[in-house]
PDB file of all heavy atoms in Angstrom:
ATOM      1  N   ILE A   1       0.835  -1.191   0.000  1.00  0.00           N
ATOM      2  CA  ILE A   1       0.000   0.000   0.000  1.00  0.00           C
ATOM      3  C   ILE A   1       0.880   1.255   0.000  1.00  0.00           C
ATOM      4  O   ILE A   1       1.633   1.504   0.948  1.00  0.00           O
ATOM      5  CB  ILE A   1      -0.926   0.043   1.233  1.00  0.00           C
ATOM      6  CG1 ILE A   1      -1.681  -1.283   1.422  1.00  0.00           C
ATOM      7  CG2 ILE A   1      -1.866   1.242   1.157  1.00  0.00           C
ATOM      8  CD1 ILE A   1      -2.618  -1.657   0.319  1.00  0.00           C
ATOM      9  N   LEU A   2       0.755   2.053  -1.048  1.00  0.00           N
ATOM     10  CA  LEU A   2       1.431   3.335  -1.157  1.00  0.00           C
ATOM     11  C   LEU A   2       0.520   4.399  -0.557  1.00  0.00           C
ATOM     12  O   LEU A   2      -0.624   4.558  -0.991  1.00  0.00           O
ATOM     13  CB  LEU A   2       1.739   3.640  -2.626  1.00  0.00           C
ATOM     14  CG  LEU A   2       2.238   5.034  -2.969  1.00  0.00           C
ATOM     15  CD1 LEU A   2       3.478   5.406  -2.167  1.00  0.00           C
ATOM     16  CD2 LEU A   2       2.506   5.135  -4.461  1.00  0.00           C
ATOM     17  N   ASP A   3       1.008   5.118   0.428  1.00  0.00           N
ATOM     18  CA  ASP A   3       0.215   6.136   1.119  1.00  0.00           C
ATOM     19  C   ASP A   3       0.368   7.488   0.417  1.00  0.00           C
ATOM     20  O   ASP A   3       1.230   8.292   0.761  1.00  0.00           O
ATOM     21  CB  ASP A   3       0.654   6.222   2.580  1.00  0.00           C
ATOM     22  CG  ASP A   3      -0.193   7.180   3.397  1.00  0.00           C
ATOM     23  OD1 ASP A   3      -1.069   7.850   2.818  1.00  0.00           O
ATOM     24  OD2 ASP A   3       0.042   7.269   4.608  1.00  0.00           O
ATOM     25  N   ARG A   4      -0.474   7.721  -0.572  1.00  0.00           N
ATOM     26  CA  ARG A   4      -0.434   8.976  -1.323  1.00  0.00           C
ATOM     27  C   ARG A   4      -0.781  10.165  -0.430  1.00  0.00           C
ATOM     28  O   ARG A   4      -0.253  11.261  -0.606  1.00  0.00           O
ATOM     29  CB  ARG A   4      -1.395   8.927  -2.509  1.00  0.00           C
ATOM     30  CG  ARG A   4      -1.356  10.207  -3.341  1.00  0.00           C
ATOM     31  CD  ARG A   4      -2.389  10.168  -4.473  1.00  0.00           C
ATOM     32  NE  ARG A   4      -2.325  11.365  -5.274  1.00  0.00           N
ATOM     33  CZ  ARG A   4      -2.964  12.492  -4.987  1.00  0.00           C
ATOM     34  NH1 ARG A   4      -3.712  12.585  -3.900  1.00  0.00           N
ATOM     35  NH2 ARG A   4      -2.865  13.549  -5.792  1.00  0.00           N
ATOM     36  N   SER A   5      -1.646   9.964   0.538  1.00  0.00           N
ATOM     37  CA  SER A   5      -2.027  11.067   1.427  1.00  0.00           C
ATOM     38  C   SER A   5      -0.813  11.619   2.166  1.00  0.00           C
ATOM     39  O   SER A   5      -0.678  12.827   2.336  1.00  0.00           O
ATOM     40  CB  SER A   5      -3.100  10.610   2.424  1.00  0.00           C
ATOM     41  OG  SER A   5      -4.293  10.339   1.744  1.00  0.00           O
ATOM     42  N   THR A   6       0.086  10.737   2.598  1.00  0.00           N
ATOM     43  CA  THR A   6       1.315  11.197   3.240  1.00  0.00           C
ATOM     44  C   THR A   6       2.232  11.849   2.211  1.00  0.00           C
ATOM     45  O   THR A   6       2.833  12.895   2.470  1.00  0.00           O
ATOM     46  CB  THR A   6       2.039  10.023   3.942  1.00  0.00           C
ATOM     47  OG1 THR A   6       1.212   9.585   5.021  1.00  0.00           O
ATOM     48  CG2 THR A   6       3.384  10.431   4.486  1.00  0.00           C
ATOM     49  N   ALA A   7       2.340  11.255   1.032  1.00  0.00           N
ATOM     50  CA  ALA A   7       3.228  11.788  -0.007  1.00  0.00           C
ATOM     51  C   ALA A   7       2.850  13.204  -0.413  1.00  0.00           C
ATOM     52  O   ALA A   7       3.716  14.025  -0.709  1.00  0.00           O
ATOM     53  CB  ALA A   7       3.222  10.874  -1.229  1.00  0.00           C
ATOM     54  N   THR A   8       1.553  13.508  -0.401  1.00  0.00           N
ATOM     55  CA  THR A   8       1.089  14.828  -0.842  1.00  0.00           C
ATOM     56  C   THR A   8       0.803  15.783   0.305  1.00  0.00           C
ATOM     57  O   THR A   8       0.430  16.927   0.072  1.00  0.00           O
ATOM     58  CB  THR A   8      -0.192  14.688  -1.685  1.00  0.00           C
ATOM     59  OG1 THR A   8      -1.225  14.112  -0.873  1.00  0.00           O
ATOM     60  CG2 THR A   8       0.047  13.852  -2.921  1.00  0.00           C
ATOM     61  N   GLY A   9       0.955  15.318   1.543  1.00  0.00           N
ATOM     62  CA  GLY A   9       0.689  16.171   2.698  1.00  0.00           C
ATOM     63  C   GLY A   9      -0.758  16.179   3.128  1.00  0.00           C
ATOM     64  O   GLY A   9      -1.126  16.865   4.074  1.00  0.00           O
ATOM     65  N   ALA A  10      -1.616  15.415   2.465  1.00  0.00           N
ATOM     66  CA  ALA A  10      -3.032  15.380   2.831  1.00  0.00           C
ATOM     67  C   ALA A  10      -3.243  14.745   4.197  1.00  0.00           C
ATOM     68  O   ALA A  10      -4.261  14.982   4.836  1.00  0.00           O
ATOM     69  CB  ALA A  10      -3.840  14.630   1.775  1.00  0.00           C
ATOM     70  N   ALA A  11      -2.279  13.946   4.662  1.00  0.00           N
ATOM     71  CA  ALA A  11      -2.409  13.300   5.973  1.00  0.00           C
ATOM     72  C   ALA A  11      -2.508  14.340   7.075  1.00  0.00           C
ATOM     73  O   ALA A  11      -3.070  14.082   8.133  1.00  0.00           O
ATOM     74  CB  ALA A  11      -1.222  12.370   6.219  1.00  0.00           C
ATOM     75  N   ASP A  12      -1.979  15.527   6.812  1.00  0.00           N
ATOM     76  CA  ASP A  12      -2.043  16.600   7.798  1.00  0.00           C
ATOM     77  C   ASP A  12      -3.337  17.397   7.699  1.00  0.00           C
ATOM     78  O   ASP A  12      -3.545  18.336   8.446  1.00  0.00           O
ATOM     79  CB  ASP A  12      -0.842  17.542   7.625  1.00  0.00           C
ATOM     80  CG  ASP A  12       0.473  16.844   7.878  1.00  0.00           C
ATOM     81  OD1 ASP A  12       0.485  15.889   8.676  1.00  0.00           O
ATOM     82  OD2 ASP A  12       1.478  17.246   7.267  1.00  0.00           O
ATOM     83  N   GLU A  13      -4.205  17.024   6.781  1.00  0.00           N
ATOM     84  CA  GLU A  13      -5.437  17.777   6.543  1.00  0.00           C
ATOM     85  C   GLU A  13      -6.675  17.034   7.031  1.00  0.00           C
ATOM     86  O   GLU A  13      -7.754  17.166   6.474  1.00  0.00           O
ATOM     87  CB  GLU A  13      -5.564  18.077   5.049  1.00  0.00           C
ATOM     88  CG  GLU A  13      -4.419  18.924   4.518  1.00  0.00           C
ATOM     89  CD  GLU A  13      -4.430  19.053   3.007  1.00  0.00           C
ATOM     90  OE1 GLU A  13      -5.419  18.638   2.376  1.00  0.00           O
ATOM     91  OE2 GLU A  13      -3.446  19.561   2.469  1.00  0.00           O
ATOM     92  N   GLY A  14      -6.516  16.197   8.044  1.00  0.00           N
ATOM     93  CA  GLY A  14      -7.657  15.513   8.617  1.00  0.00           C
ATOM     94  C   GLY A  14      -8.001  14.199   7.963  1.00  0.00           C
ATOM     95  O   GLY A  14      -9.019  13.597   8.284  1.00  0.00           O
ATOM     96  N   VAL A  15      -7.191  13.724   7.033  1.00  0.00           N
ATOM     97  CA  VAL A  15      -7.425  12.428   6.406  1.00  0.00           C
ATOM     98  C   VAL A  15      -7.093  11.347   7.427  1.00  0.00           C
ATOM     99  O   VAL A  15      -6.113  11.440   8.161  1.00  0.00           O
ATOM    100  CB  VAL A  15      -6.546  12.279   5.135  1.00  0.00           C
ATOM    101  CG1 VAL A  15      -6.633  10.883   4.570  1.00  0.00           C
ATOM    102  CG2 VAL A  15      -6.966  13.307   4.102  1.00  0.00           C
ATOM    103  N   MET A  16      -7.914  10.319   7.473  1.00  0.00           N
ATOM    104  CA  MET A  16      -7.654   9.207   8.390  1.00  0.00           C
ATOM    105  C   MET A  16      -6.343   8.523   8.019  1.00  0.00           C
ATOM    106  O   MET A  16      -5.944   8.519   6.857  1.00  0.00           O
ATOM    107  CB  MET A  16      -8.797   8.195   8.329  1.00  0.00           C
ATOM    108  CG  MET A  16     -10.106   8.724   8.879  1.00  0.00           C
ATOM    109  SD  MET A  16     -11.524   7.634   8.554  1.00  0.00           S
ATOM    110  CE  MET A  16     -11.005   6.099   9.237  1.00  0.00           C
ATOM    111  N   GLY A  17      -5.692   7.935   8.988  1.00  0.00           N
ATOM    112  CA  GLY A  17      -4.447   7.218   8.739  1.00  0.00           C
ATOM    113  C   GLY A  17      -4.671   5.978   7.900  1.00  0.00           C
ATOM    114  O   GLY A  17      -5.714   5.337   7.973  1.00  0.00           O
ATOM    115  N   VAL A  18      -3.663   5.628   7.100  1.00  0.00           N
ATOM    116  CA  VAL A  18      -3.764   4.502   6.179  1.00  0.00           C
ATOM    117  C   VAL A  18      -4.070   3.204   6.918  1.00  0.00           C
ATOM    118  O   VAL A  18      -4.922   2.427   6.493  1.00  0.00           O
ATOM    119  CB  VAL A  18      -2.500   4.397   5.295  1.00  0.00           C
ATOM    120  CG1 VAL A  18      -1.260   4.140   6.113  1.00  0.00           C
ATOM    121  CG2 VAL A  18      -2.668   3.316   4.237  1.00  0.00           C
ATOM    122  N   ARG A  19      -3.400   2.960   8.023  1.00  0.00           N
ATOM    123  CA  ARG A  19      -3.648   1.710   8.759  1.00  0.00           C
ATOM    124  C   ARG A  19      -5.058   1.682   9.347  1.00  0.00           C
ATOM    125  O   ARG A  19      -5.693   0.634   9.391  1.00  0.00           O
ATOM    126  CB  ARG A  19      -2.598   1.536   9.861  1.00  0.00           C
ATOM    127  CG  ARG A  19      -1.256   1.109   9.343  1.00  0.00           C
ATOM    128  CD  ARG A  19      -0.275   0.828  10.493  1.00  0.00           C
ATOM    129  NE  ARG A  19       0.960   0.278  10.008  1.00  0.00           N
ATOM    130  CZ  ARG A  19       2.021   0.985   9.674  1.00  0.00           C
ATOM    131  NH1 ARG A  19       2.000   2.299   9.772  1.00  0.00           N
ATOM    132  NH2 ARG A  19       3.119   0.385   9.240  1.00  0.00           N
ATOM    133  N   GLU A  20      -5.528   2.811   9.782  1.00  0.00           N
ATOM    134  CA  GLU A  20      -6.871   2.905  10.347  1.00  0.00           C
ATOM    135  C   GLU A  20      -7.933   2.516   9.319  1.00  0.00           C
ATOM    136  O   GLU A  20      -8.915   1.855   9.650  1.00  0.00           O
ATOM    137  CB  GLU A  20      -7.101   4.344  10.833  1.00  0.00           C
ATOM    138  CG  GLU A  20      -8.403   4.582  11.542  1.00  0.00           C
ATOM    139  CD  GLU A  20      -8.549   6.018  12.015  1.00  0.00           C
ATOM    140  OE1 GLU A  20      -7.638   6.839  11.816  1.00  0.00           O
ATOM    141  OE2 GLU A  20      -9.620   6.326  12.577  1.00  0.00           O
ATOM    142  N   VAL A  21      -7.715   2.881   8.070  1.00  0.00           N
ATOM    143  CA  VAL A  21      -8.674   2.560   7.009  1.00  0.00           C
ATOM    144  C   VAL A  21      -8.484   1.128   6.513  1.00  0.00           C
ATOM    145  O   VAL A  21      -9.444   0.372   6.388  1.00  0.00           O
ATOM    146  CB  VAL A  21      -8.546   3.564   5.837  1.00  0.00           C
ATOM    147  CG1 VAL A  21      -9.386   3.127   4.644  1.00  0.00           C
ATOM    148  CG2 VAL A  21      -8.959   4.951   6.303  1.00  0.00           C
ATOM    149  N   ILE A  22      -7.240   0.753   6.239  1.00  0.00           N
ATOM    150  CA  ILE A  22      -6.974  -0.562   5.646  1.00  0.00           C
ATOM    151  C   ILE A  22      -7.244  -1.690   6.631  1.00  0.00           C
ATOM    152  O   ILE A  22      -7.840  -2.710   6.279  1.00  0.00           O
ATOM    153  CB  ILE A  22      -5.523  -0.652   5.122  1.00  0.00           C
ATOM    154  CG1 ILE A  22      -5.228   0.453   4.114  1.00  0.00           C
ATOM    155  CG2 ILE A  22      -5.224  -2.037   4.555  1.00  0.00           C
ATOM    156  CD1 ILE A  22      -6.095   0.466   2.891  1.00  0.00           C
ATOM    157  N   GLU A  23      -6.817  -1.535   7.856  1.00  0.00           N
ATOM    158  CA  GLU A  23      -6.929  -2.618   8.834  1.00  0.00           C
ATOM    159  C   GLU A  23      -8.295  -2.609   9.515  1.00  0.00           C
ATOM    160  O   GLU A  23      -8.420  -2.544  10.738  1.00  0.00           O
ATOM    161  CB  GLU A  23      -5.779  -2.532   9.834  1.00  0.00           C
ATOM    162  CG  GLU A  23      -4.443  -2.766   9.150  1.00  0.00           C
ATOM    163  CD  GLU A  23      -3.242  -2.591  10.057  1.00  0.00           C
ATOM    164  OE1 GLU A  23      -3.410  -2.485  11.291  1.00  0.00           O
ATOM    165  OE2 GLU A  23      -2.116  -2.569   9.523  1.00  0.00           O
ATOM    166  N   ASN A  24      -9.324  -2.724   8.697  1.00  0.00           N
ATOM    167  CA  ASN A  24     -10.695  -2.767   9.215  1.00  0.00           C
ATOM    168  C   ASN A  24     -11.038  -4.200   9.647  1.00  0.00           C
ATOM    169  O   ASN A  24     -10.237  -5.116   9.482  1.00  0.00           O
ATOM    170  CB  ASN A  24     -11.667  -2.233   8.159  1.00  0.00           C
ATOM    171  CG  ASN A  24     -11.627  -3.037   6.887  1.00  0.00           C
ATOM    172  OD1 ASN A  24     -11.794  -4.258   6.889  1.00  0.00           O
ATOM    173  ND2 ASN A  24     -11.390  -2.349   5.768  1.00  0.00           N
ATOM    174  N   ASP A  25     -12.221  -4.384  10.194  1.00  0.00           N
ATOM    175  CA  ASP A  25     -12.610  -5.695  10.723  1.00  0.00           C
ATOM    176  C   ASP A  25     -12.597  -6.794   9.659  1.00  0.00           C
ATOM    177  O   ASP A  25     -12.255  -7.941   9.964  1.00  0.00           O
ATOM    178  CB  ASP A  25     -13.992  -5.623  11.376  1.00  0.00           C
ATOM    179  CG  ASP A  25     -13.973  -4.809  12.669  1.00  0.00           C
ATOM    180  OD1 ASP A  25     -12.886  -4.650  13.257  1.00  0.00           O
ATOM    181  OD2 ASP A  25     -15.049  -4.340  13.083  1.00  0.00           O
TER     182      ASP A  25
END
C-alpha cells in the first residue's frame, strides 16, 4: 500500500491514517 495522502501532505489535513482505514474488521 502506497500512502499517497502522506506523499502529498493530505495526511495533515484531517485524512484518516492509512492503517486505520486498511486494517478494518
